[in-house]
N, C-alpha and C. Protein backbone atom coordinates (compact mmCIF):
# COMPACT_ATOMS: atom_id res chain seq x y z
N MET A 1 -3.21 -12.27 -21.65
CA MET A 1 -4.23 -11.47 -22.33
C MET A 1 -4.16 -10.02 -21.84
N ASP A 2 -4.13 -9.08 -22.79
CA ASP A 2 -4.13 -7.66 -22.44
C ASP A 2 -5.57 -7.16 -22.44
N HIS A 3 -6.13 -7.01 -21.25
CA HIS A 3 -7.52 -6.56 -21.13
C HIS A 3 -7.69 -5.11 -21.57
N PHE A 4 -6.58 -4.38 -21.73
CA PHE A 4 -6.63 -2.96 -22.08
C PHE A 4 -6.08 -2.71 -23.48
N ALA A 5 -6.12 -3.73 -24.31
CA ALA A 5 -5.53 -3.63 -25.65
C ALA A 5 -6.17 -2.51 -26.47
N GLY A 6 -7.43 -2.21 -26.24
CA GLY A 6 -8.11 -1.19 -27.03
C GLY A 6 -7.98 0.22 -26.49
N LEU A 7 -7.23 0.38 -25.40
CA LEU A 7 -7.06 1.71 -24.81
C LEU A 7 -5.88 2.40 -25.47
N GLU A 8 -6.16 3.43 -26.25
CA GLU A 8 -5.12 4.10 -27.03
C GLU A 8 -4.99 5.56 -26.61
N ARG A 9 -3.76 6.05 -26.60
CA ARG A 9 -3.48 7.41 -26.16
C ARG A 9 -3.54 8.37 -27.34
N THR A 10 -4.37 9.40 -27.20
CA THR A 10 -4.45 10.46 -28.21
C THR A 10 -3.98 11.80 -27.66
N GLY A 11 -3.72 11.84 -26.35
CA GLY A 11 -3.40 13.11 -25.71
C GLY A 11 -4.60 13.72 -25.00
N GLU A 12 -5.76 13.07 -25.14
CA GLU A 12 -6.98 13.50 -24.45
C GLU A 12 -7.45 12.34 -23.59
N PRO A 13 -6.89 12.17 -22.40
CA PRO A 13 -7.14 10.95 -21.63
C PRO A 13 -8.59 10.70 -21.25
N CYS A 14 -9.35 11.75 -20.99
CA CYS A 14 -10.77 11.52 -20.67
C CYS A 14 -11.50 10.90 -21.87
N GLN A 15 -11.24 11.43 -23.05
CA GLN A 15 -11.85 10.86 -24.25
C GLN A 15 -11.35 9.46 -24.52
N ASP A 16 -10.07 9.22 -24.25
CA ASP A 16 -9.51 7.89 -24.45
C ASP A 16 -10.20 6.87 -23.55
N VAL A 17 -10.41 7.23 -22.30
CA VAL A 17 -11.09 6.33 -21.37
C VAL A 17 -12.53 6.09 -21.81
N GLU A 18 -13.21 7.15 -22.22
CA GLU A 18 -14.60 7.00 -22.65
C GLU A 18 -14.71 6.08 -23.86
N ARG A 19 -13.86 6.28 -24.86
CA ARG A 19 -13.91 5.44 -26.06
C ARG A 19 -13.64 3.97 -25.73
N PHE A 20 -12.81 3.74 -24.75
CA PHE A 20 -12.49 2.37 -24.37
C PHE A 20 -13.57 1.74 -23.51
N LEU A 21 -13.99 2.44 -22.45
CA LEU A 21 -14.84 1.84 -21.44
C LEU A 21 -16.32 1.81 -21.80
N ALA A 22 -16.83 2.87 -22.41
CA ALA A 22 -18.27 2.98 -22.65
C ALA A 22 -18.84 1.80 -23.44
N PRO A 23 -18.22 1.38 -24.55
CA PRO A 23 -18.80 0.27 -25.30
C PRO A 23 -18.58 -1.10 -24.66
N ARG A 24 -17.56 -1.21 -23.82
CA ARG A 24 -17.23 -2.50 -23.22
C ARG A 24 -18.01 -2.76 -21.94
N ARG A 25 -18.23 -1.70 -21.17
CA ARG A 25 -18.96 -1.83 -19.90
C ARG A 25 -19.93 -0.66 -19.75
N PRO A 26 -21.04 -0.67 -20.52
CA PRO A 26 -21.95 0.48 -20.50
C PRO A 26 -22.52 0.77 -19.11
N GLU A 27 -22.79 -0.25 -18.31
CA GLU A 27 -23.32 -0.01 -16.97
C GLU A 27 -22.27 0.69 -16.10
N THR A 28 -21.03 0.22 -16.21
CA THR A 28 -19.95 0.87 -15.48
C THR A 28 -19.78 2.31 -15.95
N TRP A 29 -19.93 2.54 -17.25
CA TRP A 29 -19.77 3.89 -17.77
C TRP A 29 -20.88 4.81 -17.25
N ARG A 30 -22.10 4.30 -17.13
CA ARG A 30 -23.18 5.13 -16.57
C ARG A 30 -22.84 5.51 -15.13
N HIS A 31 -22.33 4.56 -14.36
CA HIS A 31 -21.90 4.87 -13.00
C HIS A 31 -20.78 5.90 -13.02
N THR A 32 -19.83 5.74 -13.91
CA THR A 32 -18.70 6.66 -14.04
C THR A 32 -19.19 8.08 -14.27
N LEU A 33 -20.15 8.24 -15.17
CA LEU A 33 -20.68 9.58 -15.44
C LEU A 33 -21.40 10.16 -14.23
N ALA A 34 -22.09 9.31 -13.47
CA ALA A 34 -22.76 9.77 -12.26
C ALA A 34 -21.73 10.24 -11.23
N VAL A 35 -20.63 9.49 -11.10
CA VAL A 35 -19.56 9.88 -10.17
C VAL A 35 -18.94 11.20 -10.62
N ALA A 36 -18.66 11.31 -11.91
CA ALA A 36 -18.05 12.53 -12.43
C ALA A 36 -18.96 13.74 -12.22
N GLU A 37 -20.25 13.56 -12.46
CA GLU A 37 -21.19 14.67 -12.27
C GLU A 37 -21.19 15.13 -10.81
N ARG A 38 -21.23 14.18 -9.89
CA ARG A 38 -21.24 14.54 -8.47
C ARG A 38 -19.92 15.18 -8.06
N ALA A 39 -18.82 14.60 -8.51
CA ALA A 39 -17.51 15.12 -8.14
C ALA A 39 -17.29 16.53 -8.69
N LEU A 40 -17.68 16.75 -9.93
CA LEU A 40 -17.49 18.07 -10.54
C LEU A 40 -18.38 19.12 -9.88
N ALA A 41 -19.55 18.71 -9.42
CA ALA A 41 -20.43 19.65 -8.72
C ALA A 41 -19.81 20.09 -7.39
N LEU A 42 -19.06 19.18 -6.76
CA LEU A 42 -18.45 19.48 -5.47
C LEU A 42 -17.09 20.17 -5.60
N ALA A 43 -16.44 20.01 -6.72
CA ALA A 43 -15.06 20.48 -6.88
C ALA A 43 -14.86 21.96 -6.54
N PRO A 44 -15.72 22.87 -7.02
CA PRO A 44 -15.48 24.29 -6.69
C PRO A 44 -15.54 24.58 -5.20
N ARG A 45 -16.41 23.90 -4.50
CA ARG A 45 -16.55 24.11 -3.06
C ARG A 45 -15.25 23.80 -2.33
N PHE A 46 -14.49 22.84 -2.86
CA PHE A 46 -13.27 22.42 -2.18
C PHE A 46 -12.02 22.83 -2.96
N SER A 47 -12.19 23.77 -3.87
CA SER A 47 -11.08 24.39 -4.62
C SER A 47 -10.21 23.35 -5.34
N LEU A 48 -10.87 22.39 -5.99
CA LEU A 48 -10.16 21.36 -6.72
C LEU A 48 -10.26 21.59 -8.22
N ASP A 49 -9.19 21.31 -8.92
CA ASP A 49 -9.11 21.51 -10.37
C ASP A 49 -10.11 20.60 -11.08
N PRO A 50 -11.05 21.16 -11.82
CA PRO A 50 -12.08 20.32 -12.45
C PRO A 50 -11.52 19.32 -13.46
N GLU A 51 -10.43 19.66 -14.13
CA GLU A 51 -9.88 18.71 -15.10
C GLU A 51 -9.27 17.51 -14.40
N ALA A 52 -8.60 17.74 -13.28
CA ALA A 52 -8.06 16.63 -12.49
C ALA A 52 -9.20 15.78 -11.93
N VAL A 53 -10.25 16.45 -11.46
CA VAL A 53 -11.41 15.73 -10.92
C VAL A 53 -12.06 14.88 -12.00
N ARG A 54 -12.23 15.44 -13.19
CA ARG A 54 -12.87 14.70 -14.28
C ARG A 54 -12.06 13.47 -14.67
N LEU A 55 -10.75 13.62 -14.81
CA LEU A 55 -9.93 12.48 -15.22
C LEU A 55 -9.92 11.40 -14.14
N ALA A 56 -9.82 11.80 -12.88
CA ALA A 56 -9.86 10.80 -11.81
C ALA A 56 -11.20 10.06 -11.81
N ALA A 57 -12.29 10.80 -11.97
CA ALA A 57 -13.61 10.17 -11.98
C ALA A 57 -13.79 9.25 -13.18
N TYR A 58 -13.37 9.72 -14.35
CA TYR A 58 -13.52 8.90 -15.56
C TYR A 58 -12.70 7.61 -15.47
N SER A 59 -11.56 7.68 -14.79
CA SER A 59 -10.63 6.55 -14.78
C SER A 59 -10.84 5.56 -13.64
N HIS A 60 -11.62 5.93 -12.63
CA HIS A 60 -11.56 5.16 -11.39
C HIS A 60 -12.00 3.71 -11.54
N ASP A 61 -12.95 3.42 -12.42
CA ASP A 61 -13.42 2.05 -12.61
C ASP A 61 -12.99 1.47 -13.95
N LEU A 62 -11.91 1.99 -14.50
CA LEU A 62 -11.42 1.52 -15.79
C LEU A 62 -11.16 0.01 -15.79
N ALA A 63 -10.70 -0.52 -14.66
CA ALA A 63 -10.35 -1.94 -14.59
C ALA A 63 -11.57 -2.84 -14.42
N ALA A 64 -12.77 -2.28 -14.53
CA ALA A 64 -13.97 -3.12 -14.49
C ALA A 64 -14.02 -4.09 -15.68
N VAL A 65 -13.20 -3.84 -16.69
CA VAL A 65 -13.16 -4.75 -17.84
C VAL A 65 -12.46 -6.07 -17.50
N VAL A 66 -11.78 -6.13 -16.36
CA VAL A 66 -11.05 -7.33 -15.97
C VAL A 66 -11.94 -8.21 -15.09
N PRO A 67 -12.20 -9.45 -15.46
CA PRO A 67 -12.99 -10.32 -14.59
C PRO A 67 -12.32 -10.49 -13.24
N ARG A 68 -13.12 -10.57 -12.18
CA ARG A 68 -12.55 -10.64 -10.84
C ARG A 68 -11.53 -11.76 -10.67
N PRO A 69 -11.77 -12.96 -11.22
CA PRO A 69 -10.76 -14.02 -11.05
C PRO A 69 -9.40 -13.68 -11.68
N ASN A 70 -9.38 -12.69 -12.57
CA ASN A 70 -8.13 -12.33 -13.25
C ASN A 70 -7.46 -11.10 -12.66
N LEU A 71 -8.05 -10.51 -11.61
CA LEU A 71 -7.53 -9.24 -11.11
C LEU A 71 -6.11 -9.36 -10.55
N VAL A 72 -5.85 -10.38 -9.77
CA VAL A 72 -4.52 -10.51 -9.17
C VAL A 72 -3.46 -10.68 -10.24
N ALA A 73 -3.70 -11.60 -11.17
CA ALA A 73 -2.71 -11.85 -12.22
C ALA A 73 -2.52 -10.62 -13.11
N THR A 74 -3.62 -9.93 -13.41
CA THR A 74 -3.52 -8.74 -14.26
C THR A 74 -2.79 -7.62 -13.54
N ALA A 75 -3.08 -7.43 -12.26
CA ALA A 75 -2.37 -6.41 -11.49
C ALA A 75 -0.88 -6.71 -11.45
N GLU A 76 -0.53 -7.95 -11.25
CA GLU A 76 0.89 -8.34 -11.25
C GLU A 76 1.52 -8.04 -12.60
N ALA A 77 0.79 -8.32 -13.67
CA ALA A 77 1.33 -8.09 -15.01
C ALA A 77 1.59 -6.62 -15.28
N TRP A 78 0.81 -5.75 -14.61
CA TRP A 78 0.99 -4.31 -14.79
C TRP A 78 1.91 -3.70 -13.73
N GLY A 79 2.55 -4.55 -12.96
CA GLY A 79 3.54 -4.07 -12.01
C GLY A 79 3.00 -3.50 -10.72
N VAL A 80 1.75 -3.82 -10.40
CA VAL A 80 1.17 -3.34 -9.14
C VAL A 80 1.74 -4.15 -7.99
N SER A 81 2.26 -3.48 -6.98
CA SER A 81 2.80 -4.15 -5.81
C SER A 81 1.64 -4.62 -4.93
N LEU A 82 1.61 -5.90 -4.61
CA LEU A 82 0.48 -6.48 -3.89
C LEU A 82 0.89 -6.97 -2.51
N THR A 83 0.05 -6.69 -1.53
CA THR A 83 0.22 -7.23 -0.19
C THR A 83 -0.61 -8.51 -0.07
N ALA A 84 -0.41 -9.21 1.04
CA ALA A 84 -1.21 -10.40 1.29
C ALA A 84 -2.69 -10.04 1.38
N GLU A 85 -2.99 -8.88 1.95
CA GLU A 85 -4.39 -8.44 2.07
C GLU A 85 -4.98 -8.12 0.70
N ASP A 86 -4.18 -7.55 -0.20
CA ASP A 86 -4.66 -7.28 -1.55
C ASP A 86 -5.07 -8.58 -2.23
N ARG A 87 -4.24 -9.59 -2.06
CA ARG A 87 -4.52 -10.88 -2.70
C ARG A 87 -5.75 -11.54 -2.09
N ALA A 88 -5.98 -11.29 -0.81
CA ALA A 88 -7.12 -11.89 -0.13
C ALA A 88 -8.42 -11.15 -0.43
N ILE A 89 -8.32 -9.88 -0.85
CA ILE A 89 -9.51 -9.08 -1.16
C ILE A 89 -9.33 -8.51 -2.57
N PRO A 90 -9.33 -9.35 -3.59
CA PRO A 90 -8.95 -8.88 -4.93
C PRO A 90 -9.85 -7.81 -5.51
N GLN A 91 -11.09 -7.70 -5.02
CA GLN A 91 -11.98 -6.68 -5.57
C GLN A 91 -11.46 -5.26 -5.35
N VAL A 92 -10.57 -5.07 -4.37
CA VAL A 92 -10.02 -3.73 -4.15
C VAL A 92 -8.94 -3.38 -5.16
N LEU A 93 -8.52 -4.35 -5.97
CA LEU A 93 -7.39 -4.13 -6.87
C LEU A 93 -7.75 -3.33 -8.11
N HIS A 94 -9.04 -3.15 -8.38
CA HIS A 94 -9.36 -2.45 -9.62
C HIS A 94 -8.91 -0.99 -9.58
N GLY A 95 -8.80 -0.40 -8.38
CA GLY A 95 -8.29 0.96 -8.27
C GLY A 95 -6.80 1.05 -8.56
N PRO A 96 -5.97 0.30 -7.83
CA PRO A 96 -4.54 0.31 -8.13
C PRO A 96 -4.22 -0.10 -9.56
N LEU A 97 -4.98 -1.05 -10.10
CA LEU A 97 -4.75 -1.48 -11.48
C LEU A 97 -5.09 -0.35 -12.45
N ALA A 98 -6.21 0.32 -12.25
CA ALA A 98 -6.59 1.42 -13.13
C ALA A 98 -5.53 2.52 -13.08
N ALA A 99 -5.00 2.81 -11.91
CA ALA A 99 -3.96 3.83 -11.79
C ALA A 99 -2.72 3.43 -12.58
N ALA A 100 -2.34 2.18 -12.47
CA ALA A 100 -1.16 1.70 -13.21
C ALA A 100 -1.38 1.79 -14.71
N VAL A 101 -2.58 1.48 -15.16
CA VAL A 101 -2.87 1.48 -16.60
C VAL A 101 -2.86 2.89 -17.17
N ILE A 102 -3.52 3.85 -16.48
CA ILE A 102 -3.55 5.20 -17.05
C ILE A 102 -2.17 5.86 -17.00
N GLU A 103 -1.37 5.47 -16.02
CA GLU A 103 -0.01 6.00 -15.98
C GLU A 103 0.82 5.47 -17.14
N ALA A 104 0.75 4.16 -17.37
CA ALA A 104 1.58 3.54 -18.40
C ALA A 104 1.05 3.77 -19.81
N ARG A 105 -0.26 3.65 -19.99
CA ARG A 105 -0.80 3.68 -21.34
C ARG A 105 -1.25 5.06 -21.78
N LEU A 106 -1.69 5.89 -20.84
CA LEU A 106 -2.18 7.22 -21.21
C LEU A 106 -1.22 8.32 -20.76
N SER A 107 -0.10 7.93 -20.17
CA SER A 107 0.94 8.88 -19.74
C SER A 107 0.42 9.90 -18.74
N VAL A 108 -0.48 9.48 -17.86
CA VAL A 108 -0.93 10.34 -16.78
C VAL A 108 0.16 10.35 -15.72
N ARG A 109 0.65 11.52 -15.37
CA ARG A 109 1.78 11.64 -14.44
C ARG A 109 1.41 12.35 -13.14
N ASP A 110 0.23 12.92 -13.06
CA ASP A 110 -0.19 13.67 -11.87
C ASP A 110 -0.43 12.69 -10.73
N ILE A 111 0.44 12.71 -9.72
CA ILE A 111 0.34 11.75 -8.63
C ILE A 111 -0.96 11.89 -7.86
N ALA A 112 -1.50 13.10 -7.79
CA ALA A 112 -2.77 13.30 -7.08
C ALA A 112 -3.90 12.54 -7.78
N ILE A 113 -3.92 12.58 -9.10
CA ILE A 113 -4.94 11.84 -9.85
C ILE A 113 -4.72 10.34 -9.69
N LEU A 114 -3.48 9.91 -9.84
CA LEU A 114 -3.18 8.48 -9.74
C LEU A 114 -3.54 7.94 -8.36
N ASP A 115 -3.24 8.70 -7.31
CA ASP A 115 -3.56 8.24 -5.96
C ASP A 115 -5.06 8.22 -5.71
N ALA A 116 -5.77 9.21 -6.21
CA ALA A 116 -7.22 9.22 -6.02
C ALA A 116 -7.85 7.99 -6.67
N VAL A 117 -7.41 7.64 -7.86
CA VAL A 117 -7.90 6.43 -8.53
C VAL A 117 -7.48 5.20 -7.74
N ARG A 118 -6.24 5.18 -7.31
CA ARG A 118 -5.68 4.02 -6.60
C ARG A 118 -6.46 3.70 -5.32
N TYR A 119 -6.86 4.74 -4.59
CA TYR A 119 -7.46 4.52 -3.27
C TYR A 119 -8.97 4.77 -3.23
N HIS A 120 -9.61 4.82 -4.38
CA HIS A 120 -11.02 5.23 -4.36
C HIS A 120 -11.94 4.20 -3.71
N THR A 121 -11.50 2.96 -3.58
CA THR A 121 -12.34 1.93 -2.96
C THR A 121 -12.15 1.88 -1.46
N THR A 122 -10.91 1.95 -1.00
CA THR A 122 -10.61 1.79 0.42
C THR A 122 -10.36 3.10 1.15
N LEU A 123 -10.02 4.15 0.40
CA LEU A 123 -9.45 5.37 0.95
C LEU A 123 -8.14 5.01 1.65
N ARG A 124 -7.54 5.91 2.39
CA ARG A 124 -6.29 5.68 3.10
C ARG A 124 -6.16 6.72 4.20
N SER A 125 -5.28 6.46 5.14
CA SER A 125 -5.00 7.45 6.17
C SER A 125 -4.35 8.68 5.54
N HIS A 126 -4.67 9.87 6.07
CA HIS A 126 -4.13 11.13 5.56
C HIS A 126 -4.44 11.31 4.07
N ALA A 127 -5.66 11.00 3.71
CA ALA A 127 -6.09 11.14 2.31
C ALA A 127 -6.04 12.59 1.88
N THR A 128 -5.76 12.80 0.60
CA THR A 128 -5.74 14.15 0.03
C THR A 128 -7.17 14.60 -0.26
N PRO A 129 -7.37 15.89 -0.50
CA PRO A 129 -8.71 16.34 -0.88
C PRO A 129 -9.26 15.63 -2.11
N LEU A 130 -8.41 15.38 -3.12
CA LEU A 130 -8.90 14.68 -4.31
C LEU A 130 -9.24 13.23 -4.00
N ASP A 131 -8.43 12.57 -3.16
CA ASP A 131 -8.78 11.22 -2.70
C ASP A 131 -10.18 11.22 -2.09
N LEU A 132 -10.39 12.15 -1.18
CA LEU A 132 -11.66 12.21 -0.46
C LEU A 132 -12.82 12.51 -1.39
N LEU A 133 -12.62 13.46 -2.30
CA LEU A 133 -13.69 13.84 -3.21
C LEU A 133 -14.13 12.66 -4.07
N LEU A 134 -13.17 11.94 -4.65
CA LEU A 134 -13.52 10.81 -5.50
C LEU A 134 -14.17 9.70 -4.69
N PHE A 135 -13.64 9.42 -3.52
CA PHE A 135 -14.21 8.40 -2.64
C PHE A 135 -15.66 8.72 -2.31
N VAL A 136 -15.91 9.95 -1.89
CA VAL A 136 -17.26 10.36 -1.49
C VAL A 136 -18.21 10.34 -2.69
N ALA A 137 -17.78 10.88 -3.82
CA ALA A 137 -18.64 10.90 -5.01
C ALA A 137 -18.98 9.49 -5.46
N ASP A 138 -18.00 8.59 -5.39
CA ASP A 138 -18.23 7.20 -5.79
C ASP A 138 -19.28 6.54 -4.92
N LYS A 139 -19.22 6.77 -3.62
CA LYS A 139 -20.17 6.12 -2.71
C LYS A 139 -21.55 6.76 -2.80
N ILE A 140 -21.60 8.09 -2.94
CA ILE A 140 -22.90 8.75 -3.06
C ILE A 140 -23.58 8.37 -4.37
N ALA A 141 -22.79 8.13 -5.40
CA ALA A 141 -23.36 7.75 -6.69
C ALA A 141 -23.85 6.31 -6.69
N PHE A 142 -23.73 5.63 -5.55
CA PHE A 142 -24.32 4.31 -5.32
C PHE A 142 -23.36 3.18 -5.64
N ASP A 143 -23.10 2.41 -4.60
CA ASP A 143 -22.32 1.19 -4.74
C ASP A 143 -23.29 0.01 -4.78
N PRO A 144 -23.49 -0.60 -5.95
CA PRO A 144 -24.51 -1.64 -6.09
C PRO A 144 -24.17 -2.92 -5.33
N THR A 145 -22.93 -3.05 -4.83
CA THR A 145 -22.59 -4.25 -4.07
C THR A 145 -22.98 -4.16 -2.61
N THR A 146 -23.43 -2.98 -2.18
CA THR A 146 -23.78 -2.79 -0.78
C THR A 146 -25.27 -3.10 -0.58
N PRO A 147 -25.58 -4.11 0.27
CA PRO A 147 -26.98 -4.50 0.43
C PRO A 147 -27.83 -3.50 1.20
N ARG A 148 -27.20 -2.53 1.85
CA ARG A 148 -27.94 -1.49 2.55
C ARG A 148 -27.45 -0.13 2.09
N LEU A 149 -28.37 0.84 2.08
CA LEU A 149 -28.02 2.17 1.60
C LEU A 149 -28.28 3.25 2.65
N ASP A 150 -28.46 2.84 3.91
CA ASP A 150 -28.76 3.85 4.91
C ASP A 150 -27.56 4.69 5.28
N TYR A 151 -26.41 4.42 4.70
CA TYR A 151 -25.26 5.29 4.90
C TYR A 151 -25.40 6.59 4.12
N LEU A 152 -26.26 6.62 3.11
CA LEU A 152 -26.34 7.79 2.25
C LEU A 152 -26.78 9.05 3.00
N ALA A 153 -27.77 8.92 3.86
CA ALA A 153 -28.23 10.08 4.62
C ALA A 153 -27.12 10.59 5.54
N ALA A 154 -26.40 9.67 6.16
CA ALA A 154 -25.30 10.08 7.04
C ALA A 154 -24.18 10.74 6.24
N MET A 155 -23.93 10.25 5.02
CA MET A 155 -22.91 10.88 4.18
C MET A 155 -23.32 12.29 3.78
N GLN A 156 -24.57 12.45 3.40
CA GLN A 156 -25.03 13.78 3.02
C GLN A 156 -24.94 14.75 4.19
N SER A 157 -25.27 14.27 5.37
CA SER A 157 -25.16 15.11 6.56
C SER A 157 -23.69 15.46 6.83
N GLY A 158 -22.82 14.47 6.71
CA GLY A 158 -21.39 14.71 6.91
C GLY A 158 -20.83 15.67 5.89
N LEU A 159 -21.33 15.60 4.67
CA LEU A 159 -20.84 16.45 3.60
C LEU A 159 -21.17 17.92 3.84
N GLU A 160 -22.19 18.18 4.63
CA GLU A 160 -22.51 19.57 4.98
C GLU A 160 -21.38 20.19 5.79
N ARG A 161 -20.61 19.34 6.47
CA ARG A 161 -19.47 19.83 7.26
C ARG A 161 -18.18 19.79 6.45
N SER A 162 -17.91 18.65 5.81
CA SER A 162 -16.62 18.48 5.13
C SER A 162 -16.61 17.18 4.34
N LEU A 163 -15.63 17.06 3.44
CA LEU A 163 -15.40 15.79 2.76
C LEU A 163 -15.03 14.71 3.76
N GLU A 164 -14.24 15.09 4.76
CA GLU A 164 -13.85 14.12 5.78
C GLU A 164 -15.06 13.58 6.53
N GLY A 165 -16.01 14.47 6.84
CA GLY A 165 -17.21 14.04 7.54
C GLY A 165 -18.03 13.05 6.73
N ALA A 166 -18.12 13.29 5.42
CA ALA A 166 -18.86 12.37 4.55
C ALA A 166 -18.14 11.04 4.43
N ALA A 167 -16.82 11.08 4.27
CA ALA A 167 -16.05 9.84 4.17
C ALA A 167 -16.15 9.04 5.46
N TRP A 168 -16.06 9.74 6.59
CA TRP A 168 -16.19 9.05 7.88
C TRP A 168 -17.53 8.32 7.97
N ALA A 169 -18.61 8.97 7.55
CA ALA A 169 -19.93 8.36 7.66
C ALA A 169 -19.99 7.03 6.91
N TYR A 170 -19.41 6.98 5.71
CA TYR A 170 -19.42 5.72 4.95
C TYR A 170 -18.53 4.68 5.62
N LEU A 171 -17.32 5.08 5.99
CA LEU A 171 -16.39 4.13 6.60
C LEU A 171 -16.94 3.57 7.90
N ASP A 172 -17.57 4.43 8.70
CA ASP A 172 -18.11 3.95 9.97
C ASP A 172 -19.27 2.99 9.74
N PHE A 173 -20.05 3.24 8.70
CA PHE A 173 -21.12 2.30 8.34
C PHE A 173 -20.53 0.94 8.00
N VAL A 174 -19.49 0.93 7.17
CA VAL A 174 -18.89 -0.34 6.75
C VAL A 174 -18.29 -1.07 7.96
N VAL A 175 -17.54 -0.36 8.78
CA VAL A 175 -16.92 -1.00 9.94
C VAL A 175 -17.99 -1.53 10.90
N GLY A 176 -19.05 -0.79 11.07
CA GLY A 176 -20.11 -1.20 11.99
C GLY A 176 -20.99 -2.32 11.48
N HIS A 177 -21.00 -2.53 10.16
CA HIS A 177 -21.88 -3.54 9.57
C HIS A 177 -21.10 -4.59 8.78
N VAL A 178 -19.83 -4.74 9.11
CA VAL A 178 -18.98 -5.60 8.28
C VAL A 178 -19.47 -7.05 8.26
N ALA A 179 -19.98 -7.55 9.38
CA ALA A 179 -20.46 -8.93 9.40
C ALA A 179 -21.68 -9.09 8.50
N GLU A 180 -22.58 -8.13 8.57
CA GLU A 180 -23.78 -8.18 7.72
C GLU A 180 -23.42 -8.06 6.24
N LEU A 181 -22.48 -7.19 5.94
CA LEU A 181 -22.07 -6.99 4.56
C LEU A 181 -21.31 -8.19 4.01
N GLY A 182 -20.68 -8.93 4.90
CA GLY A 182 -19.89 -10.07 4.47
C GLY A 182 -18.58 -9.67 3.82
N TRP A 183 -18.08 -8.50 4.16
CA TRP A 183 -16.85 -7.99 3.58
C TRP A 183 -15.67 -8.27 4.49
N ARG A 184 -14.47 -8.24 3.93
CA ARG A 184 -13.24 -8.20 4.70
C ARG A 184 -12.71 -6.78 4.65
N LEU A 185 -12.25 -6.28 5.77
CA LEU A 185 -11.78 -4.90 5.83
C LEU A 185 -10.32 -4.82 5.43
N HIS A 186 -10.06 -4.04 4.40
CA HIS A 186 -8.68 -3.84 3.96
C HIS A 186 -7.97 -2.92 4.95
N PRO A 187 -6.68 -3.14 5.20
CA PRO A 187 -5.95 -2.28 6.14
C PRO A 187 -6.02 -0.79 5.80
N ASN A 188 -6.06 -0.44 4.52
CA ASN A 188 -6.17 0.98 4.16
C ASN A 188 -7.48 1.57 4.65
N LEU A 189 -8.56 0.79 4.54
CA LEU A 189 -9.86 1.26 5.01
C LEU A 189 -9.85 1.42 6.53
N VAL A 190 -9.28 0.46 7.22
CA VAL A 190 -9.20 0.53 8.68
C VAL A 190 -8.39 1.75 9.11
N ALA A 191 -7.29 2.01 8.42
CA ALA A 191 -6.45 3.16 8.74
C ALA A 191 -7.17 4.47 8.46
N ALA A 192 -7.91 4.53 7.36
CA ALA A 192 -8.67 5.74 7.04
C ALA A 192 -9.75 5.99 8.09
N HIS A 193 -10.42 4.93 8.51
CA HIS A 193 -11.47 5.05 9.53
C HIS A 193 -10.89 5.61 10.83
N ALA A 194 -9.74 5.08 11.22
CA ALA A 194 -9.12 5.55 12.46
C ALA A 194 -8.68 7.01 12.34
N HIS A 195 -8.14 7.37 11.19
CA HIS A 195 -7.65 8.74 10.99
C HIS A 195 -8.80 9.75 10.99
N LEU A 196 -9.94 9.35 10.44
CA LEU A 196 -11.06 10.29 10.30
C LEU A 196 -11.99 10.32 11.50
N ARG A 197 -11.64 9.57 12.54
CA ARG A 197 -12.50 9.53 13.72
C ARG A 197 -12.81 10.92 14.28
N ALA A 198 -11.87 11.82 14.13
CA ALA A 198 -12.05 13.18 14.65
C ALA A 198 -13.15 13.94 13.92
N PHE A 199 -13.55 13.45 12.74
CA PHE A 199 -14.53 14.17 11.92
C PHE A 199 -15.95 13.60 12.07
N ARG A 200 -16.13 12.69 13.03
CA ARG A 200 -17.45 12.08 13.19
C ARG A 200 -18.45 13.09 13.72
């Protein structure tokens, strides 16, 4: 089954994503718009191209149309290279899958955009400014799967210093509360946390 059968390329990828995602997952689309609004508000401060920021934000949760039990098989079908950890934590695959889909179906070739979408859930060590911006905007715009939200104040405080400071605040919250959250830590998240320790 092609979960992205209705995603058609017109040459305007942001509009293509909106036409596809908004009617299929309206709640996800509302979150997407909140992420885009936050990311675009921050983009000038960090000298990031607003069009790249908009497309990354619009695309980051594109794979929400895929039911979680189908994520591994769908990612494999789209040629996403999977590690054992990816298979064990399939919810992180919606980022890499979305990146693969917009590259193949919408002809997005900008590696910075593709990587920001790919790593928006876990982040990664030595993240780019666009990686960090999308990650931070996504978390500030509220992750409904997180049972606690006290990381938000720490993120806002960190953001006064840098994107790295805001990202560190969220990652340190997750690492410190992993048992309570009931999550498994992906190696990319662990690596990002270690790399950003200097920004605490």
